[in-house]
Amino acid sequence: MVKAEKQSDIFERIPVPQAVGRLMVPTILGSLVMVFYSIADTYFVGLLNAPVQNAAVALAAPVLLAFNAVNNLFGIGSSSMMSRALGRSDYETVKRSAAFGFYGSVFSGIILSLLCLVFFAPLLRLLGADAQTETATAAYLQWAVICGAVPTILNVVMGYLVRSEGAALHASIGTMSGCLLNIVLDPIFILPWGFDMGAAGAGLATCLSNCVACAYFLVLLTVRRGKTYISLHPRYLVLHKDIVAGICGVGVPASIQNLLNVTGMTVLNHFVAGYGAPAVAAIGIAQKIQMLPMQIALGGTQGVMPLISYSYSSKNVKRMEDAIKFVARILVPVMMVIAVGYWVAAEWLIRLFMSNAEIVYYGKLFLRGFSAAMPFMLADFLVVGVLQGIGMGRKTLYFAILRKIVLEIPAIVLMNILFKASGITYAGCIAEVILSAYGICLLLGILQKFRAEVL
């Protein structure tokens, strides 16, 4: 276990800026590649110049986002448990948590595929597909969800498991391998010069690329057997009360948080659908472009989570505080710059995907609404990441309910009434501003209490 013991240097001895960089940079890069592959779907489908095909990808997005509920349950829940156990040198818990996360992901992916297959028609209606968009949406979902649920979920969860030991680079390589393959396969399956499958081709490319990423992680863990505390052996799949409670205590609230995100996106899409297929296509494009800063924020805050978990468990309050401050000093200015750039270049960015005048009009409005929330979104992600890292899952659940149910969804309804399409996407900004103020106060209180307990 010499290799695994040296890995603890990143948690204990390497200076905080370097440790954060080693954890955060590969995670952000992996997240950015995921953005590019997601944008590639929209870009290559957009080259068909068929709003119905673009609308299909946008309408199916909430289902793929629902996968994140499972990713967070077994990925964030298991990795938080594993990093905290490493801080206590409890290696048996690390192995059991990894096995629980892996096999739970496989089982959940199978269940989601079967549910989608059985309730396919009602699902299409729930997503907002109509007679015009139903066929294309169904074709995309058949590949991306019915066939692709297990590899899509397992790819992300295994990345979390590997990252929990501090091996952020390996985790990102696995994720990026699938993403890059997806970018290569997209034009082949989507465009007329290839298989001419349209939106269905994007779903097939997603399924195949995630299978390749899963293969990478399985090979990695096989090669590193004996050099890592991560084990997928069935004998470690023990439903011990402390293991299940520890993982679910963080994972279930994180899962519910993503289900609430799906709910918010579905509500937004339904309101946008009232403005026609071009508006639906536009919101899909704007959401894909918004994923760039969102994944930078998410990658940065999730990337540093193992260090926060380890430091909290080992009672190293100064290292934990320094890590949080360093992430905030780096990422807040980055998000502000991106927000300004998006606002100024909103129309040009939308035109990169489609030149349809009506889609460009709506897309510019929607993207500017999203960009206004970006700096505040980073603050909220950081607070949630800290809460997940130290095992305070219940507080993250309250945070998620406040964001979506109490603030954002009512704001969507109100902004639609007051400002129609030009104001509907500012609902997220309203929610994030209020949440960031609340979250910072909450985080300061937690750190003060932790400091008092240690000292």
Foldseek 3Di string as FASTA:
>chain_A
DVLLVVLCCLQPPDDLVVSLCLLQVLLLVLLLLVLVLLLLLLQLLLVVVDLLLLLLSLLCVLVLLLLVLLLLLLQLLLLLQLLLCVLVVNLLLNALSLQQSQVSLQVVLQVQLVVCVVCVVVSCVLSPDDPSNSVSNSLLCVQQRNLASSLSSNLSRLLSSCCSSVNSNLSSVLSNQLSVQLSVQSNQQPPPVHVNPRSNSSSNSNRVSSVSSNVSSVVVCVVCPVVDSHDNDPVSNDPDPVSSCSSNLASNLSSVLSVLVSVLSSLLLVLQCVVPSLSSSLLSSLVSVLSSLVSSLLSSLQSCLSSLLSCLSNLVLVSNVVNLVVSLVPSLVVLVVVLVVCLVCQLVSQVSRHDPPSSSVLNNLQNNLSSLQRSLSSLLSNLSSNCSSNSVNVVSNVLSCQLRVVQQSVLLVVQCVVPNSNRNSNSNNRSSVVSSVVSVVVVVVVSVVSVVVSD
